Amino acid sequence: MTDKLAKERREGQLAQQIKDNPIYSHAFETIQKNLREFMEDPKHSDEQTIEAKRMLVVSKRFRKVLETVMDTGKMAERQILDTQKQSKVRQMFGR
């Protein structure tokens, strides 16, 4: 197992723990709901609305990055398992 794969697997597992936590989903949903409500309120200036839109985009990007780290960890886990299986087969057949 390479250090890079092990690191990716650990990071993916940590990202999965965060994603599985109900507070994670609740927090993102609340942030995005509040930003949308802010943008729809006509009392805010155009600059404030644009800034809220930027924040909404950033929150979506952050969530996507976290999910990408999680997926990368899953792929690393599969590669590690495949390498371990190949190693066992080689040992069984003396290669």
C-alpha atoms as a PDB file:
ATOM      1  CA  MET A   1       0.000   0.000   0.000  1.00  0.00           C
ATOM      2  CA  THR A   2       1.409   3.350  -0.959  1.00  0.00           C
ATOM      3  CA  ASP A   3       1.460   6.263   1.441  1.00  0.00           C
ATOM      4  CA  LYS A   4      -0.636   8.297  -1.003  1.00  0.00           C
ATOM      5  CA  LEU A   5      -3.369   5.648  -1.170  1.00  0.00           C
ATOM      6  CA  ALA A   6      -3.372   5.249   2.599  1.00  0.00           C
ATOM      7  CA  LYS A   7      -3.687   9.023   3.028  1.00  0.00           C
ATOM      8  CA  GLU A   8      -6.510   9.221   0.481  1.00  0.00           C
ATOM      9  CA  ARG A   9      -8.300   6.343   2.197  1.00  0.00           C
ATOM     10  CA  ARG A  10      -8.029   8.033   5.629  1.00  0.00           C
ATOM     11  CA  GLU A  11      -9.224  11.356   4.252  1.00  0.00           C
ATOM     12  CA  GLY A  12     -12.094   9.631   2.477  1.00  0.00           C
ATOM     13  CA  GLN A  13     -13.140   7.859   5.661  1.00  0.00           C
ATOM     14  CA  LEU A  14     -13.082  11.140   7.587  1.00  0.00           C
ATOM     15  CA  ALA A  15     -15.083  12.865   4.841  1.00  0.00           C
ATOM     16  CA  GLN A  16     -17.604  10.022   4.924  1.00  0.00           C
ATOM     17  CA  GLN A  17     -17.997  10.412   8.697  1.00  0.00           C
ATOM     18  CA  ILE A  18     -18.730  14.094   8.225  1.00  0.00           C
ATOM     19  CA  LYS A  19     -21.176  13.447   5.401  1.00  0.00           C
ATOM     20  CA  ASP A  20     -22.995  10.743   7.388  1.00  0.00           C
ATOM     21  CA  ASN A  21     -23.491  13.120  10.305  1.00  0.00           C
ATOM     22  CA  PRO A  22     -27.021  14.591  10.174  1.00  0.00           C
ATOM     23  CA  ILE A  23     -25.665  17.932  11.383  1.00  0.00           C
ATOM     24  CA  TYR A  24     -23.689  18.191   8.118  1.00  0.00           C
ATOM     25  CA  SER A  25     -26.788  18.039   5.920  1.00  0.00           C
ATOM     26  CA  HIS A  26     -28.779  20.233   8.264  1.00  0.00           C
ATOM     27  CA  ALA A  27     -26.051  22.879   8.316  1.00  0.00           C
ATOM     28  CA  PHE A  28     -25.760  23.062   4.523  1.00  0.00           C
ATOM     29  CA  GLU A  29     -29.510  23.086   4.029  1.00  0.00           C
ATOM     30  CA  THR A  30     -29.908  25.875   6.599  1.00  0.00           C
ATOM     31  CA  ILE A  31     -27.089  27.976   5.126  1.00  0.00           C
ATOM     32  CA  GLN A  32     -28.413  27.617   1.591  1.00  0.00           C
ATOM     33  CA  LYS A  33     -32.018  28.300   2.654  1.00  0.00           C
ATOM     34  CA  ASN A  34     -30.987  31.434   4.526  1.00  0.00           C
ATOM     35  CA  LEU A  35     -28.936  32.706   1.600  1.00  0.00           C
ATOM     36  CA  ARG A  36     -31.797  32.117  -0.843  1.00  0.00           C
ATOM     37  CA  GLU A  37     -34.225  33.933   1.454  1.00  0.00           C
ATOM     38  CA  PHE A  38     -31.748  36.789   1.778  1.00  0.00           C
ATOM     39  CA  MET A  39     -31.425  37.078  -2.009  1.00  0.00           C
ATOM     40  CA  GLU A  40     -35.204  37.092  -2.469  1.00  0.00           C
ATOM     41  CA  ASP A  41     -35.718  39.899   0.033  1.00  0.00           C
ATOM     42  CA  PRO A  42     -36.019  43.168  -1.918  1.00  0.00           C
ATOM     43  CA  LYS A  43     -34.748  45.312   0.971  1.00  0.00           C
ATOM     44  CA  HIS A  44     -31.156  44.257   0.273  1.00  0.00           C
ATOM     45  CA  SER A  45     -28.946  46.105  -2.168  1.00  0.00           C
ATOM     46  CA  ASP A  46     -27.758  44.569  -5.413  1.00  0.00           C
ATOM     47  CA  GLU A  47     -24.246  44.283  -3.945  1.00  0.00           C
ATOM     48  CA  GLN A  48     -25.560  42.419  -0.912  1.00  0.00           C
ATOM     49  CA  THR A  49     -27.589  40.090  -3.116  1.00  0.00           C
ATOM     50  CA  ILE A  50     -24.577  39.401  -5.337  1.00  0.00           C
ATOM     51  CA  GLU A  51     -22.441  38.674  -2.263  1.00  0.00           C
ATOM     52  CA  ALA A  52     -25.096  36.271  -0.941  1.00  0.00           C
ATOM     53  CA  LYS A  53     -25.124  34.533  -4.320  1.00  0.00           C
ATOM     54  CA  ARG A  54     -21.330  34.184  -4.186  1.00  0.00           C
ATOM     55  CA  MET A  55     -21.617  32.691  -0.714  1.00  0.00           C
ATOM     56  CA  LEU A  56     -24.223  30.228  -1.975  1.00  0.00           C
ATOM     57  CA  VAL A  57     -21.898  29.162  -4.788  1.00  0.00           C
ATOM     58  CA  VAL A  58     -18.995  28.775  -2.351  1.00  0.00           C
ATOM     59  CA  SER A  59     -21.094  26.623  -0.017  1.00  0.00           C
ATOM     60  CA  LYS A  60     -22.051  24.351  -2.926  1.00  0.00           C
ATOM     61  CA  ARG A  61     -18.404  24.098  -4.029  1.00  0.00           C
ATOM     62  CA  PHE A  62     -17.278  23.272  -0.495  1.00  0.00           C
ATOM     63  CA  ARG A  63     -19.830  20.456  -0.287  1.00  0.00           C
ATOM     64  CA  LYS A  64     -18.698  19.148  -3.681  1.00  0.00           C
ATOM     65  CA  VAL A  65     -15.030  19.179  -2.604  1.00  0.00           C
ATOM     66  CA  LEU A  66     -15.870  17.226   0.538  1.00  0.00           C
ATOM     67  CA  GLU A  67     -17.804  14.665  -1.497  1.00  0.00           C
ATOM     68  CA  THR A  68     -14.922  14.401  -3.997  1.00  0.00           C
ATOM     69  CA  VAL A  69     -12.492  13.678  -1.145  1.00  0.00           C
ATOM     70  CA  MET A  70     -14.889  11.009   0.077  1.00  0.00           C
ATOM     71  CA  ASP A  71     -15.115   9.437  -3.399  1.00  0.00           C
ATOM     72  CA  THR A  72     -11.332   9.551  -3.799  1.00  0.00           C
ATOM     73  CA  GLY A  73     -11.043   7.720  -0.483  1.00  0.00           C
ATOM     74  CA  LYS A  74     -13.434   5.038  -1.728  1.00  0.00           C
ATOM     75  CA  MET A  75     -11.359   4.576  -4.878  1.00  0.00           C
ATOM     76  CA  ALA A  76      -8.169   4.382  -2.809  1.00  0.00           C
ATOM     77  CA  GLU A  77      -9.804   1.757  -0.588  1.00  0.00           C
ATOM     78  CA  ARG A  78     -10.676  -0.334  -3.662  1.00  0.00           C
ATOM     79  CA  GLN A  79      -7.131  -0.028  -5.000  1.00  0.00           C
ATOM     80  CA  ILE A  80      -5.697  -1.072  -1.647  1.00  0.00           C
ATOM     81  CA  LEU A  81      -8.015  -4.090  -1.478  1.00  0.00           C
ATOM     82  CA  ASP A  82      -7.158  -5.074  -5.061  1.00  0.00           C
ATOM     83  CA  THR A  83      -3.446  -4.843  -4.299  1.00  0.00           C
ATOM     84  CA  GLN A  84      -3.891  -6.977  -1.184  1.00  0.00           C
ATOM     85  CA  LYS A  85      -5.847  -9.603  -3.151  1.00  0.00           C
ATOM     86  CA  GLN A  86      -3.187  -9.697  -5.854  1.00  0.00           C
ATOM     87  CA  SER A  87      -0.507 -10.104  -3.212  1.00  0.00           C
ATOM     88  CA  LYS A  88      -2.354 -13.055  -1.646  1.00  0.00           C
ATOM     89  CA  VAL A  89      -2.771 -14.721  -5.032  1.00  0.00           C
ATOM     90  CA  ARG A  90       0.950 -14.298  -5.746  1.00  0.00           C
ATOM     91  CA  GLN A  91       1.794 -15.839  -2.383  1.00  0.00           C
ATOM     92  CA  MET A  92      -0.505 -18.783  -3.046  1.00  0.00           C
ATOM     93  CA  PHE A  93       1.059 -19.490  -6.421  1.00  0.00           C
ATOM     94  CA  GLY A  94       4.628 -18.553  -5.523  1.00  0.00           C
ATOM     95  CA  ARG A  95       4.944 -15.543  -7.792  1.00  0.00           C
END
